[in-house]
Amino acid sequence: MSRRWIPICRVEDIPRLGARRVQRPGDIDVAVFRNAEDKIFALVDRCPHKGGPLSQGLVHGETVACPLHNWQIDLADGCARTPDVGCIPRFAVQVQDGQIHLDADELMS
């Protein structure tokens, strides 16, 4: 089954080491992150620990630090780094010609 990609924003619309929130149906948004190497990641915008908004966290390398309790969440798989445990859903991302796209079906589910 092929993916239906929808444009979200341009890479430069997200500051390096920052994030942008994308609204979706329901009460849990998506956080789209950009690291120092311009890699783009997308995760549910909720820490698996206490639900902190990851889009407000600090990005370093390929992790984001939850702003509530500093849990380190891996941007590639959405899982907390040891010694913490727990994972959140991640989303498929595609970048074409500087435009970030997310999978439409994943966003709507």
PDB file of N, CA and C in Angstrom:
ATOM      1  N   MET A   1       0.841  -1.179   0.000  1.00  0.00           N
ATOM      2  CA  MET A   1       0.000   0.000   0.000  1.00  0.00           C
ATOM      3  C   MET A   1       0.889   1.247   0.000  1.00  0.00           C
ATOM      4  N   SER A   2       0.607   2.155  -0.881  1.00  0.00           N
ATOM      5  CA  SER A   2       1.420   3.364  -0.953  1.00  0.00           C
ATOM      6  C   SER A   2       0.914   4.402   0.048  1.00  0.00           C
ATOM      7  N   ARG A   3       1.813   5.232   0.475  1.00  0.00           N
ATOM      8  CA  ARG A   3       1.480   6.273   1.444  1.00  0.00           C
ATOM      9  C   ARG A   3       0.907   7.493   0.725  1.00  0.00           C
ATOM     10  N   ARG A   4       0.030   8.176   1.423  1.00  0.00           N
ATOM     11  CA  ARG A   4      -0.496   9.461   0.951  1.00  0.00           C
ATOM     12  C   ARG A   4       0.200  10.531   1.778  1.00  0.00           C
ATOM     13  N   TRP A   5       1.145  11.227   1.179  1.00  0.00           N
ATOM     14  CA  TRP A   5       1.921  12.243   1.886  1.00  0.00           C
ATOM     15  C   TRP A   5       1.218  13.584   1.816  1.00  0.00           C
ATOM     16  N   ILE A   6       1.180  14.288   2.954  1.00  0.00           N
ATOM     17  CA  ILE A   6       0.625  15.632   2.944  1.00  0.00           C
ATOM     18  C   ILE A   6       1.705  16.614   3.426  1.00  0.00           C
ATOM     19  N   PRO A   7       1.799  17.763   2.771  1.00  0.00           N
ATOM     20  CA  PRO A   7       2.817  18.742   3.168  1.00  0.00           C
ATOM     21  C   PRO A   7       2.461  19.382   4.504  1.00  0.00           C
ATOM     22  N   ILE A   8       3.482  19.571   5.335  1.00  0.00           N
ATOM     23  CA  ILE A   8       3.294  20.167   6.655  1.00  0.00           C
ATOM     24  C   ILE A   8       3.902  21.566   6.699  1.00  0.00           C
ATOM     25  N   CYS A   9       5.163  21.660   6.350  1.00  0.00           N
ATOM     26  CA  CYS A   9       5.875  22.937   6.344  1.00  0.00           C
ATOM     27  C   CYS A   9       7.208  22.722   5.649  1.00  0.00           C
ATOM     28  N   ARG A  10       7.976  23.772   5.525  1.00  0.00           N
ATOM     29  CA  ARG A  10       9.316  23.664   4.967  1.00  0.00           C
ATOM     30  C   ARG A  10      10.292  23.387   6.105  1.00  0.00           C
ATOM     31  N   VAL A  11      11.411  22.764   5.790  1.00  0.00           N
ATOM     32  CA  VAL A  11      12.424  22.459   6.802  1.00  0.00           C
ATOM     33  C   VAL A  11      12.821  23.726   7.549  1.00  0.00           C
ATOM     34  N   GLU A  12      13.049  24.819   6.823  1.00  0.00           N
ATOM     35  CA  GLU A  12      13.498  26.050   7.474  1.00  0.00           C
ATOM     36  C   GLU A  12      12.426  26.705   8.350  1.00  0.00           C
ATOM     37  N   ASP A  13      11.181  26.237   8.282  1.00  0.00           N
ATOM     38  CA  ASP A  13      10.131  26.749   9.159  1.00  0.00           C
ATOM     39  C   ASP A  13      10.286  26.251  10.597  1.00  0.00           C
ATOM     40  N   ILE A  14      11.100  25.221  10.783  1.00  0.00           N
ATOM     41  CA  ILE A  14      11.367  24.682  12.117  1.00  0.00           C
ATOM     42  C   ILE A  14      12.787  25.094  12.480  1.00  0.00           C
ATOM     43  N   PRO A  15      12.962  25.778  13.601  1.00  0.00           N
ATOM     44  CA  PRO A  15      14.327  26.174  13.962  1.00  0.00           C
ATOM     45  C   PRO A  15      15.195  24.954  14.244  1.00  0.00           C
ATOM     46  N   ARG A  16      16.493  25.051  13.940  1.00  0.00           N
ATOM     47  CA  ARG A  16      17.403  23.955  14.303  1.00  0.00           C
ATOM     48  C   ARG A  16      17.290  23.732  15.800  1.00  0.00           C
ATOM     49  N   LEU A  17      17.276  22.469  16.190  1.00  0.00           N
ATOM     50  CA  LEU A  17      17.130  22.061  17.586  1.00  0.00           C
ATOM     51  C   LEU A  17      15.772  22.460  18.148  1.00  0.00           C
ATOM     52  N   GLY A  18      14.785  22.563  17.273  1.00  0.00           N
ATOM     53  CA  GLY A  18      13.447  22.960  17.693  1.00  0.00           C
ATOM     54  C   GLY A  18      12.381  22.033  17.156  1.00  0.00           C
ATOM     55  N   ALA A  19      11.135  22.458  17.340  1.00  0.00           N
ATOM     56  CA  ALA A  19      10.002  21.630  16.927  1.00  0.00           C
ATOM     57  C   ALA A  19       8.838  22.509  16.487  1.00  0.00           C
ATOM     58  N   ARG A  20       7.906  21.867  15.825  1.00  0.00           N
ATOM     59  CA  ARG A  20       6.662  22.512  15.421  1.00  0.00           C
ATOM     60  C   ARG A  20       5.533  21.535  15.721  1.00  0.00           C
ATOM     61  N   ARG A  21       4.454  22.032  16.289  1.00  0.00           N
ATOM     62  CA  ARG A  21       3.289  21.191  16.570  1.00  0.00           C
ATOM     63  C   ARG A  21       2.366  21.150  15.366  1.00  0.00           C
ATOM     64  N   VAL A  22       1.839  19.965  15.090  1.00  0.00           N
ATOM     65  CA  VAL A  22       0.879  19.766  14.009  1.00  0.00           C
ATOM     66  C   VAL A  22      -0.388  19.219  14.646  1.00  0.00           C
ATOM     67  N   GLN A  23      -1.483  19.928  14.461  1.00  0.00           N
ATOM     68  CA  GLN A  23      -2.746  19.476  15.035  1.00  0.00           C
ATOM     69  C   GLN A  23      -3.282  18.296  14.248  1.00  0.00           C
ATOM     70  N   ARG A  24      -3.953  17.417  14.987  1.00  0.00           N
ATOM     71  CA  ARG A  24      -4.614  16.275  14.358  1.00  0.00           C
ATOM     72  C   ARG A  24      -5.917  16.023  15.085  1.00  0.00           C
ATOM     73  N   PRO A  25      -6.808  15.239  14.515  1.00  0.00           N
ATOM     74  CA  PRO A  25      -8.080  14.958  15.182  1.00  0.00           C
ATOM     75  C   PRO A  25      -7.838  14.355  16.570  1.00  0.00           C
ATOM     76  N   GLY A  26      -8.675  14.702  17.505  1.00  0.00           N
ATOM     77  CA  GLY A  26      -8.502  14.214  18.868  1.00  0.00           C
ATOM     78  C   GLY A  26      -7.692  15.208  19.670  1.00  0.00           C
ATOM     79  N   ASP A  27      -7.150  14.738  20.770  1.00  0.00           N
ATOM     80  CA  ASP A  27      -6.477  15.663  21.672  1.00  0.00           C
ATOM     81  C   ASP A  27      -4.963  15.524  21.704  1.00  0.00           C
ATOM     82  N   ILE A  28      -4.382  14.675  20.865  1.00  0.00           N
ATOM     83  CA  ILE A  28      -2.935  14.493  20.883  1.00  0.00           C
ATOM     84  C   ILE A  28      -2.343  14.961  19.557  1.00  0.00           C
ATOM     85  N   ASP A  29      -1.562  16.032  19.621  1.00  0.00           N
ATOM     86  CA  ASP A  29      -0.928  16.578  18.423  1.00  0.00           C
ATOM     87  C   ASP A  29       0.365  15.823  18.105  1.00  0.00           C
ATOM     88  N   VAL A  30       0.973  16.182  16.985  1.00  0.00           N
ATOM     89  CA  VAL A  30       2.243  15.616  16.555  1.00  0.00           C
ATOM     90  C   VAL A  30       3.306  16.703  16.690  1.00  0.00           C
ATOM     91  N   ALA A  31       4.473  16.325  17.176  1.00  0.00           N
ATOM     92  CA  ALA A  31       5.610  17.242  17.244  1.00  0.00           C
ATOM     93  C   ALA A  31       6.576  16.846  16.138  1.00  0.00           C
ATOM     94  N   VAL A  32       6.919  17.804  15.279  1.00  0.00           N
ATOM     95  CA  VAL A  32       7.880  17.572  14.204  1.00  0.00           C
ATOM     96  C   VAL A  32       9.164  18.293  14.613  1.00  0.00           C
ATOM     97  N   PHE A  33      10.258  17.535  14.701  1.00  0.00           N
ATOM     98  CA  PHE A  33      11.533  18.033  15.212  1.00  0.00           C
ATOM     99  C   PHE A  33      12.570  18.169  14.107  1.00  0.00           C
ATOM    100  N   ARG A  34      13.486  19.122  14.305  1.00  0.00           N
ATOM    101  CA  ARG A  34      14.633  19.302  13.410  1.00  0.00           C
ATOM    102  C   ARG A  34      15.881  19.346  14.288  1.00  0.00           C
ATOM    103  N   ASN A  35      16.837  18.462  13.997  1.00  0.00           N
ATOM    104  CA  ASN A  35      18.061  18.483  14.808  1.00  0.00           C
ATOM    105  C   ASN A  35      19.135  19.327  14.117  1.00  0.00           C
ATOM    106  N   ALA A  36      20.332  19.361  14.690  1.00  0.00           N
ATOM    107  CA  ALA A  36      21.416  20.205  14.172  1.00  0.00           C
ATOM    108  C   ALA A  36      21.865  19.792  12.778  1.00  0.00           C
ATOM    109  N   GLU A  37      21.660  18.518  12.421  1.00  0.00           N
ATOM    110  CA  GLU A  37      22.049  18.022  11.095  1.00  0.00           C
ATOM    111  C   GLU A  37      20.896  18.112  10.101  1.00  0.00           C
ATOM    112  N   ASP A  38      19.837  18.822  10.459  1.00  0.00           N
ATOM    113  CA  ASP A  38      18.639  18.993   9.622  1.00  0.00           C
ATOM    114  C   ASP A  38      17.872  17.697   9.391  1.00  0.00           C
ATOM    115  N   LYS A  39      18.059  16.699  10.246  1.00  0.00           N
ATOM    116  CA  LYS A  39      17.222  15.502  10.179  1.00  0.00           C
ATOM    117  C   LYS A  39      15.868  15.855  10.790  1.00  0.00           C
ATOM    118  N   ILE A  40      14.822  15.298  10.199  1.00  0.00           N
ATOM    119  CA  ILE A  40      13.460  15.593  10.629  1.00  0.00           C
ATOM    120  C   ILE A  40      12.843  14.325  11.223  1.00  0.00           C
ATOM    121  N   PHE A  41      12.163  14.494  12.347  1.00  0.00           N
ATOM    122  CA  PHE A  41      11.510  13.386  13.055  1.00  0.00           C
ATOM    123  C   PHE A  41      10.118  13.842  13.466  1.00  0.00           C
ATOM    124  N   ALA A  42       9.207  12.900  13.631  1.00  0.00           N
ATOM    125  CA  ALA A  42       7.856  13.235  14.087  1.00  0.00           C
ATOM    126  C   ALA A  42       7.400  12.209  15.120  1.00  0.00           C
ATOM    127  N   LEU A  43       6.934  12.726  16.251  1.00  0.00           N
ATOM    128  CA  LEU A  43       6.458  11.893  17.357  1.00  0.00           C
ATOM    129  C   LEU A  43       5.162  12.475  17.893  1.00  0.00           C
ATOM    130  N   VAL A  44       4.407  11.649  18.607  1.00  0.00           N
ATOM    131  CA  VAL A  44       3.281  12.166  19.368  1.00  0.00           C
ATOM    132  C   VAL A  44       3.842  13.203  20.344  1.00  0.00           C
ATOM    133  N   ASP A  45       3.141  14.307  20.494  1.00  0.00           N
ATOM    134  CA  ASP A  45       3.627  15.403  21.336  1.00  0.00           C
ATOM    135  C   ASP A  45       3.265  15.173  22.806  1.00  0.00           C
ATOM    136  N   ARG A  46       3.656  14.027  23.323  1.00  0.00           N
ATOM    137  CA  ARG A  46       3.337  13.693  24.714  1.00  0.00           C
ATOM    138  C   ARG A  46       4.372  12.717  25.255  1.00  0.00           C
ATOM    139  N   CYS A  47       5.081  13.120  26.284  1.00  0.00           N
ATOM    140  CA  CYS A  47       6.073  12.251  26.919  1.00  0.00           C
ATOM    141  C   CYS A  47       5.383  11.022  27.518  1.00  0.00           C
ATOM    142  N   PRO A  48       6.008   9.844  27.409  1.00  0.00           N
ATOM    143  CA  PRO A  48       5.383   8.635  27.972  1.00  0.00           C
ATOM    144  C   PRO A  48       5.360   8.639  29.499  1.00  0.00           C
ATOM    145  N   HIS A  49       6.067   9.543  30.130  1.00  0.00           N
ATOM    146  CA  HIS A  49       6.136   9.587  31.595  1.00  0.00           C
ATOM    147  C   HIS A  49       4.914  10.274  32.198  1.00  0.00           C
ATOM    148  N   LYS A  50       4.804  11.562  32.020  1.00  0.00           N
ATOM    149  CA  LYS A  50       3.704  12.342  32.607  1.00  0.00           C
ATOM    150  C   LYS A  50       2.961  13.173  31.570  1.00  0.00           C
ATOM    151  N   GLY A  51       3.182  12.888  30.293  1.00  0.00           N
ATOM    152  CA  GLY A  51       2.447  13.581  29.245  1.00  0.00           C
ATOM    153  C   GLY A  51       2.948  14.969  28.906  1.00  0.00           C
ATOM    154  N   GLY A  52       4.178  15.284  29.272  1.00  0.00           N
ATOM    155  CA  GLY A  52       4.738  16.609  28.971  1.00  0.00           C
ATOM    156  C   GLY A  52       4.795  16.869  27.474  1.00  0.00           C
ATOM    157  N   PRO A  53       4.670  18.128  27.060  1.00  0.00           N
ATOM    158  CA  PRO A  53       4.697  18.490  25.637  1.00  0.00           C
ATOM    159  C   PRO A  53       6.121  18.441  25.084  1.00  0.00           C
ATOM    160  N   LEU A  54       6.443  17.396  24.363  1.00  0.00           N
ATOM    161  CA  LEU A  54       7.801  17.229  23.836  1.00  0.00           C
ATOM    162  C   LEU A  54       8.186  18.341  22.868  1.00  0.00           C
ATOM    163  N   SER A  55       7.200  18.953  22.221  1.00  0.00           N
ATOM    164  CA  SER A  55       7.501  20.042  21.288  1.00  0.00           C
ATOM    165  C   SER A  55       8.134  21.236  22.002  1.00  0.00           C
ATOM    166  N   GLN A  56       8.038  21.285  23.317  1.00  0.00           N
ATOM    167  CA  GLN A  56       8.648  22.358  24.098  1.00  0.00           C
ATOM    168  C   GLN A  56       9.983  21.937  24.707  1.00  0.00           C
ATOM    169  N   GLY A  57      10.430  20.717  24.395  1.00  0.00           N
ATOM    170  CA  GLY A  57      11.673  20.206  24.941  1.00  0.00           C
ATOM    171  C   GLY A  57      12.891  20.649  24.158  1.00  0.00           C
ATOM    172  N   LEU A  58      14.056  20.331  24.702  1.00  0.00           N
ATOM    173  CA  LEU A  58      15.328  20.665  24.062  1.00  0.00           C
ATOM    174  C   LEU A  58      15.813  19.490  23.225  1.00  0.00           C
ATOM    175  N   VAL A  59      16.123  19.753  21.968  1.00  0.00           N
ATOM    176  CA  VAL A  59      16.631  18.739  21.052  1.00  0.00           C
ATOM    177  C   VAL A  59      18.151  18.751  21.101  1.00  0.00           C
ATOM    178  N   HIS A  60      18.744  17.567  21.218  1.00  0.00           N
ATOM    179  CA  HIS A  60      20.202  17.439  21.133  1.00  0.00           C
ATOM    180  C   HIS A  60      20.505  16.084  20.530  1.00  0.00           C
ATOM    181  N   GLY A  61      21.357  16.097  19.511  1.00  0.00           N
ATOM    182  CA  GLY A  61      21.628  14.851  18.795  1.00  0.00           C
ATOM    183  C   GLY A  61      20.343  14.334  18.174  1.00  0.00           C
ATOM    184  N   GLU A  62      19.997  13.103  18.532  1.00  0.00           N
ATOM    185  CA  GLU A  62      18.743  12.518  18.054  1.00  0.00           C
ATOM    186  C   GLU A  62      17.824  12.195  19.226  1.00  0.00           C
ATOM    187  N   THR A  63      17.832  13.085  20.221  1.00  0.00           N
ATOM    188  CA  THR A  63      16.917  12.954  21.360  1.00  0.00           C
ATOM    189  C   THR A  63      16.281  14.307  21.654  1.00  0.00           C
ATOM    190  N   VAL A  64      15.168  14.240  22.395  1.00  0.00           N
ATOM    191  CA  VAL A  64      14.532  15.441  22.913  1.00  0.00           C
ATOM    192  C   VAL A  64      14.346  15.228  24.408  1.00  0.00           C
ATOM    193  N   ALA A  65      14.609  16.266  25.196  1.00  0.00           N
ATOM    194  CA  ALA A  65      14.439  16.215  26.640  1.00  0.00           C
ATOM    195  C   ALA A  65      13.055  16.748  26.984  1.00  0.00           C
ATOM    196  N   CYS A  66      12.266  15.941  27.678  1.00  0.00           N
ATOM    197  CA  CYS A  66      10.940  16.384  28.098  1.00  0.00           C
ATOM    198  C   CYS A  66      11.096  17.603  29.010  1.00  0.00           C
ATOM    199  N   PRO A  67      10.290  18.649  28.792  1.00  0.00           N
ATOM    200  CA  PRO A  67      10.430  19.854  29.603  1.00  0.00           C
ATOM    201  C   PRO A  67       9.961  19.679  31.055  1.00  0.00           C
ATOM    202  N   LEU A  68       9.228  18.621  31.353  1.00  0.00           N
ATOM    203  CA  LEU A  68       8.741  18.440  32.725  1.00  0.00           C
ATOM    204  C   LEU A  68       9.767  17.789  33.641  1.00  0.00           C
ATOM    205  N   HIS A  69      10.326  16.655  33.225  1.00  0.00           N
ATOM    206  CA  HIS A  69      11.210  15.893  34.108  1.00  0.00           C
ATOM    207  C   HIS A  69      12.508  15.460  33.436  1.00  0.00           C
ATOM    208  N   ASN A  70      12.813  16.062  32.285  1.00  0.00           N
ATOM    209  CA  ASN A  70      14.074  15.828  31.579  1.00  0.00           C
ATOM    210  C   ASN A  70      14.274  14.400  31.089  1.00  0.00           C
ATOM    211  N   TRP A  71      13.199  13.644  30.901  1.00  0.00           N
ATOM    212  CA  TRP A  71      13.350  12.329  30.286  1.00  0.00           C
ATOM    213  C   TRP A  71      13.905  12.526  28.882  1.00  0.00           C
ATOM    214  N   GLN A  72      14.836  11.668  28.474  1.00  0.00           N
ATOM    215  CA  GLN A  72      15.431  11.720  27.144  1.00  0.00           C
ATOM    216  C   GLN A  72      14.671  10.754  26.232  1.00  0.00           C
ATOM    217  N   ILE A  73      14.033  11.287  25.213  1.00  0.00           N
ATOM    218  CA  ILE A  73      13.241  10.489  24.284  1.00  0.00           C
ATOM    219  C   ILE A  73      13.965  10.425  22.952  1.00  0.00           C
ATOM    220  N   ASP A  74      14.189   9.207  22.465  1.00  0.00           N
ATOM    221  CA  ASP A  74      14.862   8.997  21.183  1.00  0.00           C
ATOM    222  C   ASP A  74      13.938   9.442  20.054  1.00  0.00           C
ATOM    223  N   LEU A  75      14.407  10.341  19.218  1.00  0.00           N
ATOM    224  CA  LEU A  75      13.581  10.856  18.131  1.00  0.00           C
ATOM    225  C   LEU A  75      13.326   9.821  17.041  1.00  0.00           C
ATOM    226  N   ALA A  76      14.222   8.860  16.879  1.00  0.00           N
ATOM    227  CA  ALA A  76      14.069   7.859  15.815  1.00  0.00           C
ATOM    228  C   ALA A  76      13.009   6.818  16.142  1.00  0.00           C
ATOM    229  N   ASP A  77      12.900   6.424  17.423  1.00  0.00           N
ATOM    230  CA  ASP A  77      11.936   5.361  17.745  1.00  0.00           C
ATOM    231  C   ASP A  77      10.892   5.751  18.787  1.00  0.00           C
ATOM    232  N   GLY A  78      11.003   6.929  19.385  1.00  0.00           N
ATOM    233  CA  GLY A  78      10.015   7.386  20.350  1.00  0.00           C
ATOM    234  C   GLY A  78      10.140   6.770  21.736  1.00  0.00           C
ATOM    235  N   CYS A  79      11.241   6.066  21.997  1.00  0.00           N
ATOM    236  CA  CYS A  79      11.405   5.393  23.285  1.00  0.00           C
ATOM    237  C   CYS A  79      12.311   6.183  24.223  1.00  0.00           C
ATOM    238  N   ALA A  80      11.988   6.103  25.508  1.00  0.00           N
ATOM    239  CA  ALA A  80      12.799   6.757  26.532  1.00  0.00           C
ATOM    240  C   ALA A  80      14.140   6.061  26.641  1.00  0.00           C
ATOM    241  N   ARG A  81      15.166   6.838  26.900  1.00  0.00           N
ATOM    242  CA  ARG A  81      16.505   6.281  27.096  1.00  0.00           C
ATOM    243  C   ARG A  81      16.645   5.766  28.518  1.00  0.00           C
ATOM    244  N   THR A  82      17.430   4.725  28.674  1.00  0.00           N
ATOM    245  CA  THR A  82      17.693   4.116  29.975  1.00  0.00           C
ATOM    246  C   THR A  82      18.250   5.174  30.919  1.00  0.00           C
ATOM    247  N   PRO A  83      17.839   5.208  32.165  1.00  0.00           N
ATOM    248  CA  PRO A  83      17.128   4.195  32.927  1.00  0.00           C
ATOM    249  C   PRO A  83      15.612   4.298  32.827  1.00  0.00           C
ATOM    250  N   ASP A  84      15.095   5.320  32.124  1.00  0.00           N
ATOM    251  CA  ASP A  84      13.649   5.478  32.009  1.00  0.00           C
ATOM    252  C   ASP A  84      13.090   4.489  30.988  1.00  0.00           C
ATOM    253  N   VAL A  85      11.806   4.205  31.094  1.00  0.00           N
ATOM    254  CA  VAL A  85      11.169   3.258  30.178  1.00  0.00           C
ATOM    255  C   VAL A  85       9.849   3.824  29.673  1.00  0.00           C
ATOM    256  N   GLY A  86       9.487   3.416  28.483  1.00  0.00           N
ATOM    257  CA  GLY A  86       8.235   3.837  27.869  1.00  0.00           C
ATOM    258  C   GLY A  86       8.491   4.344  26.467  1.00  0.00           C
ATOM    259  N   CYS A  87       7.489   4.204  25.616  1.00  0.00           N
ATOM    260  CA  CYS A  87       7.598   4.644  24.226  1.00  0.00           C
ATOM    261  C   CYS A  87       6.325   5.372  23.820  1.00  0.00           C
ATOM    262  N   ILE A  88       6.457   6.221  22.824  1.00  0.00           N
ATOM    263  CA  ILE A  88       5.320   6.905  22.220  1.00  0.00           C
ATOM    264  C   ILE A  88       5.352   6.645  20.721  1.00  0.00           C
ATOM    265  N   PRO A  89       4.208   6.772  20.056  1.00  0.00           N
ATOM    266  CA  PRO A  89       4.191   6.542  18.609  1.00  0.00           C
ATOM    267  C   PRO A  89       5.028   7.560  17.842  1.00  0.00           C
ATOM    268  N   ARG A  90       5.640   7.077  16.778  1.00  0.00           N
ATOM    269  CA  ARG A  90       6.360   7.953  15.860  1.00  0.00           C
ATOM    270  C   ARG A  90       5.606   7.943  14.536  1.00  0.00           C
ATOM    271  N   PHE A  91       5.931   8.884  13.689  1.00  0.00           N
ATOM    272  CA  PHE A  91       5.245   9.051  12.414  1.00  0.00           C
ATOM    273  C   PHE A  91       6.259   9.037  11.275  1.00  0.00           C
ATOM    274  N   ALA A  92       5.841   8.486  10.155  1.00  0.00           N
ATOM    275  CA  ALA A  92       6.687   8.484   8.963  1.00  0.00           C
ATOM    276  C   ALA A  92       6.837   9.915   8.462  1.00  0.00           C
ATOM    277  N   VAL A  93       8.053  10.256   8.055  1.00  0.00           N
ATOM    278  CA  VAL A  93       8.372  11.597   7.563  1.00  0.00           C
ATOM    279  C   VAL A  93       9.068  11.460   6.216  1.00  0.00           C
ATOM    280  N   GLN A  94       8.739  12.361   5.317  1.00  0.00           N
ATOM    281  CA  GLN A  94       9.424  12.430   4.027  1.00  0.00           C
ATOM    282  C   GLN A  94       9.764  13.894   3.771  1.00  0.00           C
ATOM    283  N   VAL A  95      10.986  14.131   3.324  1.00  0.00           N
ATOM    284  CA  VAL A  95      11.394  15.490   2.950  1.00  0.00           C
ATOM    285  C   VAL A  95      11.722  15.474   1.463  1.00  0.00           C
ATOM    286  N   GLN A  96      11.044  16.334   0.717  1.00  0.00           N
ATOM    287  CA  GLN A  96      11.285  16.457  -0.725  1.00  0.00           C
ATOM    288  C   GLN A  96      11.429  17.927  -1.067  1.00  0.00           C
ATOM    289  N   ASP A  97      12.533  18.278  -1.679  1.00  0.00           N
ATOM    290  CA  ASP A  97      12.776  19.659  -2.096  1.00  0.00           C
ATOM    291  C   ASP A  97      12.567  20.649  -0.953  1.00  0.00           C
ATOM    292  N   GLY A  98      13.000  20.263   0.251  1.00  0.00           N
ATOM    293  CA  GLY A  98      12.900  21.144   1.407  1.00  0.00           C
ATOM    294  C   GLY A  98      11.539  21.178   2.074  1.00  0.00           C
ATOM    295  N   GLN A  99      10.583  20.419   1.541  1.00  0.00           N
ATOM    296  CA  GLN A  99       9.223  20.376   2.085  1.00  0.00           C
ATOM    297  C   GLN A  99       9.061  19.119   2.935  1.00  0.00           C
ATOM    298  N   ILE A 100       8.557  19.278   4.158  1.00  0.00           N
ATOM    299  CA  ILE A 100       8.316  18.140   5.067  1.00  0.00           C
ATOM    300  C   ILE A 100       6.907  17.625   4.827  1.00  0.00           C
ATOM    301  N   HIS A 101       6.797  16.296   4.679  1.00  0.00           N
ATOM    302  CA  HIS A 101       5.500  15.644   4.506  1.00  0.00           C
ATOM    303  C   HIS A 101       5.321  14.588   5.580  1.00  0.00           C
ATOM    304  N   LEU A 102       4.079  14.430   6.038  1.00  0.00           N
ATOM    305  CA  LEU A 102       3.712  13.345   6.948  1.00  0.00           C
ATOM    306  C   LEU A 102       2.671  12.476   6.262  1.00  0.00           C
ATOM    307  N   ASP A 103       2.601  11.228   6.700  1.00  0.00           N
ATOM    308  CA  ASP A 103       1.648  10.269   6.146  1.00  0.00           C
ATOM    309  C   ASP A 103       0.231  10.652   6.591  1.00  0.00           C
ATOM    310  N   ALA A 104      -0.648  10.903   5.646  1.00  0.00           N
ATOM    311  CA  ALA A 104      -2.015  11.352   5.932  1.00  0.00           C
ATOM    312  C   ALA A 104      -2.775  10.335   6.781  1.00  0.00           C
ATOM    313  N   ASP A 105      -2.634   9.053   6.494  1.00  0.00           N
ATOM    314  CA  ASP A 105      -3.362   8.028   7.247  1.00  0.00           C
ATOM    315  C   ASP A 105      -2.893   7.960   8.693  1.00  0.00           C
ATOM    316  N   GLU A 106      -1.581   8.091   8.914  1.00  0.00           N
ATOM    317  CA  GLU A 106      -1.073   8.091  10.280  1.00  0.00           C
ATOM    318  C   GLU A 106      -1.582   9.304  11.061  1.00  0.00           C
ATOM    319  N   LEU A 107      -1.643  10.446  10.411  1.00  0.00           N
ATOM    320  CA  LEU A 107      -2.120  11.651  11.080  1.00  0.00           C
ATOM    321  C   LEU A 107      -3.578  11.541  11.494  1.00  0.00           C
ATOM    322  N   MET A 108      -4.376  10.867  10.701  1.00  0.00           N
ATOM    323  CA  MET A 108      -5.807  10.793  10.967  1.00  0.00           C
ATOM    324  C   MET A 108      -6.191   9.680  11.934  1.00  0.00           C
ATOM    325  N   SER A 109      -5.242   8.791  12.230  1.00  0.00           N
ATOM    326  CA  SER A 109      -5.617   7.671  13.110  1.00  0.00           C
ATOM    327  C   SER A 109      -5.395   8.003  14.566  1.00  0.00           C
TER     328      SER A 109
END
